[in-house]
Amino acid sequence: MKLSRNDLVQLLHSQGANATADRVATELQEEIDTDRDRELLAKVGLTHDQLMGRLASASIRIIG
C-alpha cells in the first residue's frame, strides 16, 4: 500500500505520536510504500501491524 508521508505525519500528530511523526518527516521519502519501506518504518518505530492499526482508525488517502 502507498501513502503520502505528509498524510502519515499529520495522522501520527493527531494521535499524539509526535516523536514518531517527526522521525517519519525526516527519515522517509514523500511517497511511502508499506511493503518496500517496511524496514524504514520499523526503524522510526512503526511495525507493519502498528501502522495498519493506526491507518484503520483514521481516514487517510491511500495512493494507487
PDB file of N, CA and C in Angstrom:
ATOM      1  N   MET A   1       0.838  -1.153   0.000  1.00  0.00           N
ATOM      2  CA  MET A   1       0.000   0.000   0.000  1.00  0.00           C
ATOM      3  C   MET A   1       0.896   1.232   0.000  1.00  0.00           C
ATOM      4  N   LYS A   2       0.480   2.269  -0.713  1.00  0.00           N
ATOM      5  CA  LYS A   2       1.243   3.502  -0.784  1.00  0.00           C
ATOM      6  C   LYS A   2       0.454   4.638  -0.136  1.00  0.00           C
ATOM      7  N   LEU A   3       1.183   5.517   0.544  1.00  0.00           N
ATOM      8  CA  LEU A   3       0.553   6.683   1.141  1.00  0.00           C
ATOM      9  C   LEU A   3       1.539   7.831   1.200  1.00  0.00           C
ATOM     10  N   SER A   4       1.024   9.010   1.370  1.00  0.00           N
ATOM     11  CA  SER A   4       1.836  10.210   1.426  1.00  0.00           C
ATOM     12  C   SER A   4       2.495  10.354   2.796  1.00  0.00           C
ATOM     13  N   ARG A   5       3.773  10.714   2.777  1.00  0.00           N
ATOM     14  CA  ARG A   5       4.484  10.967   4.037  1.00  0.00           C
ATOM     15  C   ARG A   5       3.777  12.055   4.830  1.00  0.00           C
ATOM     16  N   ASN A   6       3.348  13.126   4.161  1.00  0.00           N
ATOM     17  CA  ASN A   6       2.689  14.224   4.864  1.00  0.00           C
ATOM     18  C   ASN A   6       1.400  13.765   5.535  1.00  0.00           C
ATOM     19  N   ASP A   7       0.629  12.929   4.847  1.00  0.00           N
ATOM     20  CA  ASP A   7      -0.602  12.407   5.446  1.00  0.00           C
ATOM     21  C   ASP A   7      -0.293  11.565   6.681  1.00  0.00           C
ATOM     22  N   LEU A   8       0.752  10.744   6.596  1.00  0.00           N
ATOM     23  CA  LEU A   8       1.120   9.908   7.730  1.00  0.00           C
ATOM     24  C   LEU A   8       1.609  10.767   8.892  1.00  0.00           C
ATOM     25  N   VAL A   9       2.387  11.785   8.609  1.00  0.00           N
ATOM     26  CA  VAL A   9       2.875  12.685   9.660  1.00  0.00           C
ATOM     27  C   VAL A   9       1.691  13.363  10.361  1.00  0.00           C
ATOM     28  N   GLN A  10       0.744  13.866   9.599  1.00  0.00           N
ATOM     29  CA  GLN A  10      -0.434  14.509  10.186  1.00  0.00           C
ATOM     30  C   GLN A  10      -1.226  13.517  11.033  1.00  0.00           C
ATOM     31  N   LEU A  11      -1.393  12.307  10.540  1.00  0.00           N
ATOM     32  CA  LEU A  11      -2.112  11.280  11.280  1.00  0.00           C
ATOM     33  C   LEU A  11      -1.422  10.993  12.608  1.00  0.00           C
ATOM     34  N   LEU A  12      -0.117  10.803  12.572  1.00  0.00           N
ATOM     35  CA  LEU A  12       0.618  10.492  13.793  1.00  0.00           C
ATOM     36  C   LEU A  12       0.530  11.643  14.796  1.00  0.00           C
ATOM     37  N   HIS A  13       0.645  12.869  14.322  1.00  0.00           N
ATOM     38  CA  HIS A  13       0.498  14.023  15.223  1.00  0.00           C
ATOM     39  C   HIS A  13      -0.895  14.050  15.843  1.00  0.00           C
ATOM     40  N   SER A  14      -1.914  13.772  15.034  1.00  0.00           N
ATOM     41  CA  SER A  14      -3.292  13.806  15.551  1.00  0.00           C
ATOM     42  C   SER A  14      -3.536  12.724  16.593  1.00  0.00           C
ATOM     43  N   GLN A  15      -2.735  11.654  16.544  1.00  0.00           N
ATOM     44  CA  GLN A  15      -2.871  10.565  17.502  1.00  0.00           C
ATOM     45  C   GLN A  15      -1.890  10.695  18.665  1.00  0.00           C
ATOM     46  N   GLY A  16      -1.178  11.826  18.713  1.00  0.00           N
ATOM     47  CA  GLY A  16      -0.269  12.087  19.816  1.00  0.00           C
ATOM     48  C   GLY A  16       1.092  11.428  19.720  1.00  0.00           C
ATOM     49  N   ALA A  17       1.402  10.865  18.573  1.00  0.00           N
ATOM     50  CA  ALA A  17       2.696  10.197  18.375  1.00  0.00           C
ATOM     51  C   ALA A  17       3.674  11.183  17.734  1.00  0.00           C
ATOM     52  N   ASN A  18       3.942  12.273  18.446  1.00  0.00           N
ATOM     53  CA  ASN A  18       4.722  13.370  17.885  1.00  0.00           C
ATOM     54  C   ASN A  18       6.170  12.986  17.564  1.00  0.00           C
ATOM     55  N   ALA A  19       6.821  12.246  18.424  1.00  0.00           N
ATOM     56  CA  ALA A  19       8.213  11.854  18.162  1.00  0.00           C
ATOM     57  C   ALA A  19       8.304  10.968  16.924  1.00  0.00           C
ATOM     58  N   THR A  20       7.373  10.041  16.791  1.00  0.00           N
ATOM     59  CA  THR A  20       7.357   9.168  15.616  1.00  0.00           C
ATOM     60  C   THR A  20       7.060   9.981  14.363  1.00  0.00           C
ATOM     61  N   ALA A  21       6.121  10.912  14.456  1.00  0.00           N
ATOM     62  CA  ALA A  21       5.792  11.773  13.319  1.00  0.00           C
ATOM     63  C   ALA A  21       7.006  12.564  12.861  1.00  0.00           C
ATOM     64  N   ASP A  22       7.766  13.092  13.808  1.00  0.00           N
ATOM     65  CA  ASP A  22       8.959  13.860  13.466  1.00  0.00           C
ATOM     66  C   ASP A  22       9.999  12.989  12.773  1.00  0.00           C
ATOM     67  N   ARG A  23      10.142  11.760  13.219  1.00  0.00           N
ATOM     68  CA  ARG A  23      11.099  10.841  12.587  1.00  0.00           C
ATOM     69  C   ARG A  23      10.643  10.469  11.180  1.00  0.00           C
ATOM     70  N   VAL A  24       9.356  10.221  11.004  1.00  0.00           N
ATOM     71  CA  VAL A  24       8.823   9.914   9.674  1.00  0.00           C
ATOM     72  C   VAL A  24       9.097  11.083   8.737  1.00  0.00           C
ATOM     73  N   ALA A  25       8.868  12.305   9.220  1.00  0.00           N
ATOM     74  CA  ALA A  25       9.039  13.503   8.398  1.00  0.00           C
ATOM     75  C   ALA A  25      10.471  13.677   7.914  1.00  0.00           C
ATOM     76  N   THR A  26      11.430  13.251   8.713  1.00  0.00           N
ATOM     77  CA  THR A  26      12.824  13.469   8.331  1.00  0.00           C
ATOM     78  C   THR A  26      13.497  12.254   7.706  1.00  0.00           C
ATOM     79  N   GLU A  27      12.967  11.050   7.926  1.00  0.00           N
ATOM     80  CA  GLU A  27      13.682   9.843   7.501  1.00  0.00           C
ATOM     81  C   GLU A  27      13.029   9.067   6.351  1.00  0.00           C
ATOM     82  N   LEU A  28      11.805   9.422   5.985  1.00  0.00           N
ATOM     83  CA  LEU A  28      11.140   8.691   4.905  1.00  0.00           C
ATOM     84  C   LEU A  28      10.903   9.607   3.711  1.00  0.00           C
ATOM     85  N   GLN A  29      10.831   9.004   2.534  1.00  0.00           N
ATOM     86  CA  GLN A  29      10.589   9.787   1.331  1.00  0.00           C
ATOM     87  C   GLN A  29       9.124  10.194   1.229  1.00  0.00           C
ATOM     88  N   GLU A  30       8.814  11.066   0.272  1.00  0.00           N
ATOM     89  CA  GLU A  30       7.473  11.647   0.135  1.00  0.00           C
ATOM     90  C   GLU A  30       6.382  10.590  -0.051  1.00  0.00           C
ATOM     91  N   GLU A  31       6.650   9.581  -0.872  1.00  0.00           N
ATOM     92  CA  GLU A  31       5.669   8.512  -1.064  1.00  0.00           C
ATOM     93  C   GLU A  31       6.165   7.276  -0.327  1.00  0.00           C
ATOM     94  N   ILE A  32       5.353   6.794   0.584  1.00  0.00           N
ATOM     95  CA  ILE A  32       5.709   5.621   1.378  1.00  0.00           C
ATOM     96  C   ILE A  32       4.990   4.414   0.808  1.00  0.00           C
ATOM     97  N   ASP A  33       5.741   3.369   0.577  1.00  0.00           N
ATOM     98  CA  ASP A  33       5.186   2.080   0.183  1.00  0.00           C
ATOM     99  C   ASP A  33       5.370   1.164   1.391  1.00  0.00           C
ATOM    100  N   THR A  34       4.279   0.721   1.978  1.00  0.00           N
ATOM    101  CA  THR A  34       4.373  -0.028   3.234  1.00  0.00           C
ATOM    102  C   THR A  34       5.140  -1.333   3.098  1.00  0.00           C
ATOM    103  N   ASP A  35       5.167  -1.906   1.912  1.00  0.00           N
ATOM    104  CA  ASP A  35       5.947  -3.126   1.705  1.00  0.00           C
ATOM    105  C   ASP A  35       7.423  -2.793   1.490  1.00  0.00           C
ATOM    106  N   ARG A  36       7.681  -1.907   0.572  1.00  0.00           N
ATOM    107  CA  ARG A  36       9.057  -1.526   0.244  1.00  0.00           C
ATOM    108  C   ARG A  36       9.767  -0.895   1.447  1.00  0.00           C
ATOM    109  N   ASP A  37       9.050  -0.082   2.205  1.00  0.00           N
ATOM    110  CA  ASP A  37       9.645   0.691   3.294  1.00  0.00           C
ATOM    111  C   ASP A  37       9.448   0.065   4.671  1.00  0.00           C
ATOM    112  N   ARG A  38       9.127  -1.206   4.708  1.00  0.00           N
ATOM    113  CA  ARG A  38       8.852  -1.890   5.977  1.00  0.00           C
ATOM    114  C   ARG A  38       9.987  -1.710   6.995  1.00  0.00           C
ATOM    115  N   GLU A  39      11.232  -1.880   6.547  1.00  0.00           N
ATOM    116  CA  GLU A  39      12.372  -1.750   7.463  1.00  0.00           C
ATOM    117  C   GLU A  39      12.548  -0.312   7.949  1.00  0.00           C
ATOM    118  N   LEU A  40      12.371   0.652   7.047  1.00  0.00           N
ATOM    119  CA  LEU A  40      12.493   2.053   7.447  1.00  0.00           C
ATOM    120  C   LEU A  40      11.384   2.442   8.420  1.00  0.00           C
ATOM    121  N   LEU A  41      10.190   1.953   8.180  1.00  0.00           N
ATOM    122  CA  LEU A  41       9.086   2.227   9.099  1.00  0.00           C
ATOM    123  C   LEU A  41       9.381   1.648  10.481  1.00  0.00           C
ATOM    124  N   ALA A  42       9.908   0.450  10.516  1.00  0.00           N
ATOM    125  CA  ALA A  42      10.263  -0.164  11.799  1.00  0.00           C
ATOM    126  C   ALA A  42      11.362   0.637  12.484  1.00  0.00           C
ATOM    127  N   LYS A  43      12.294   1.154  11.706  1.00  0.00           N
ATOM    128  CA  LYS A  43      13.389   1.950  12.254  1.00  0.00           C
ATOM    129  C   LYS A  43      12.880   3.210  12.953  1.00  0.00           C
ATOM    130  N   VAL A  44      11.797   3.795  12.442  1.00  0.00           N
ATOM    131  CA  VAL A  44      11.244   5.002  13.069  1.00  0.00           C
ATOM    132  C   VAL A  44      10.192   4.660  14.119  1.00  0.00           C
ATOM    133  N   GLY A  45       9.977   3.379  14.366  1.00  0.00           N
ATOM    134  CA  GLY A  45       9.086   2.974  15.444  1.00  0.00           C
ATOM    135  C   GLY A  45       7.711   2.514  15.037  1.00  0.00           C
ATOM    136  N   LEU A  46       7.522   2.170  13.770  1.00  0.00           N
ATOM    137  CA  LEU A  46       6.217   1.701  13.300  1.00  0.00           C
ATOM    138  C   LEU A  46       6.345   0.322  12.667  1.00  0.00           C
ATOM    139  N   THR A  47       5.916  -0.703  13.377  1.00  0.00           N
ATOM    140  CA  THR A  47       5.868  -2.017  12.750  1.00  0.00           C
ATOM    141  C   THR A  47       4.706  -2.025  11.766  1.00  0.00           C
ATOM    142  N   HIS A  48       4.694  -2.986  10.897  1.00  0.00           N
ATOM    143  CA  HIS A  48       3.617  -3.081   9.906  1.00  0.00           C
ATOM    144  C   HIS A  48       2.261  -3.161  10.604  1.00  0.00           C
ATOM    145  N   ASP A  49       2.148  -3.973  11.644  1.00  0.00           N
ATOM    146  CA  ASP A  49       0.872  -4.115  12.361  1.00  0.00           C
ATOM    147  C   ASP A  49       0.451  -2.814  13.035  1.00  0.00           C
ATOM    148  N   GLN A  50       1.415  -2.105  13.634  1.00  0.00           N
ATOM    149  CA  GLN A  50       1.097  -0.822  14.265  1.00  0.00           C
ATOM    150  C   GLN A  50       0.607   0.184  13.227  1.00  0.00           C
ATOM    151  N   LEU A  51       1.284   0.234  12.109  1.00  0.00           N
ATOM    152  CA  LEU A  51       0.892   1.159  11.055  1.00  0.00           C
ATOM    153  C   LEU A  51      -0.511   0.847  10.552  1.00  0.00           C
ATOM    154  N   MET A  52      -0.791  -0.430  10.297  1.00  0.00           N
ATOM    155  CA  MET A  52      -2.117  -0.806   9.814  1.00  0.00           C
ATOM    156  C   MET A  52      -3.198  -0.447  10.850  1.00  0.00           C
ATOM    157  N   GLY A  53      -2.908  -0.623  12.119  1.00  0.00           N
ATOM    158  CA  GLY A  53      -3.850  -0.257  13.167  1.00  0.00           C
ATOM    159  C   GLY A  53      -4.119   1.236  13.193  1.00  0.00           C
ATOM    160  N   ARG A  54      -3.065   2.021  13.059  1.00  0.00           N
ATOM    161  CA  ARG A  54      -3.228   3.483  13.053  1.00  0.00           C
ATOM    162  C   ARG A  54      -4.017   3.928  11.822  1.00  0.00           C
ATOM    163  N   LEU A  55      -3.738   3.340  10.672  1.00  0.00           N
ATOM    164  CA  LEU A  55      -4.447   3.682   9.463  1.00  0.00           C
ATOM    165  C   LEU A  55      -5.915   3.280   9.541  1.00  0.00           C
ATOM    166  N   ALA A  56      -6.190   2.158  10.162  1.00  0.00           N
ATOM    167  CA  ALA A  56      -7.564   1.676  10.271  1.00  0.00           C
ATOM    168  C   ALA A  56      -8.412   2.603  11.134  1.00  0.00           C
ATOM    169  N   SER A  57      -7.777   3.291  12.066  1.00  0.00           N
ATOM    170  CA  SER A  57      -8.521   4.150  12.981  1.00  0.00           C
ATOM    171  C   SER A  57      -8.697   5.556  12.453  1.00  0.00           C
ATOM    172  N   ALA A  58      -8.246   5.815  11.230  1.00  0.00           N
ATOM    173  CA  ALA A  58      -8.340   7.163  10.667  1.00  0.00           C
ATOM    174  C   ALA A  58      -8.659   7.097   9.178  1.00  0.00           C
ATOM    175  N   SER A  59      -9.120   8.221   8.689  1.00  0.00           N
ATOM    176  CA  SER A  59      -9.335   8.334   7.253  1.00  0.00           C
ATOM    177  C   SER A  59      -8.084   8.934   6.650  1.00  0.00           C
ATOM    178  N   ILE A  60      -7.382   8.140   5.873  1.00  0.00           N
ATOM    179  CA  ILE A  60      -6.164   8.610   5.223  1.00  0.00           C
ATOM    180  C   ILE A  60      -6.214   8.145   3.770  1.00  0.00           C
ATOM    181  N   ARG A  61      -5.790   9.024   2.883  1.00  0.00           N
ATOM    182  CA  ARG A  61      -5.845   8.715   1.456  1.00  0.00           C
ATOM    183  C   ARG A  61      -4.706   7.777   1.091  1.00  0.00           C
ATOM    184  N   ILE A  62      -5.066   6.659   0.522  1.00  0.00           N
ATOM    185  CA  ILE A  62      -4.098   5.681   0.048  1.00  0.00           C
ATOM    186  C   ILE A  62      -3.804   5.989  -1.413  1.00  0.00           C
ATOM    187  N   ILE A  63      -2.520   6.002  -1.784  1.00  0.00           N
ATOM    188  CA  ILE A  63      -2.111   6.311  -3.147  1.00  0.00           C
ATOM    189  C   ILE A  63      -2.090   5.019  -3.956  1.00  0.00           C
ATOM    190  N   GLY A  64      -2.684   5.064  -5.137  1.00  0.00           N
ATOM    191  CA  GLY A  64      -2.604   3.908  -6.031  1.00  0.00           C
ATOM    192  C   GLY A  64      -3.541   2.880  -5.712  1.00  0.00           C
TER     193      GLY A  64
END
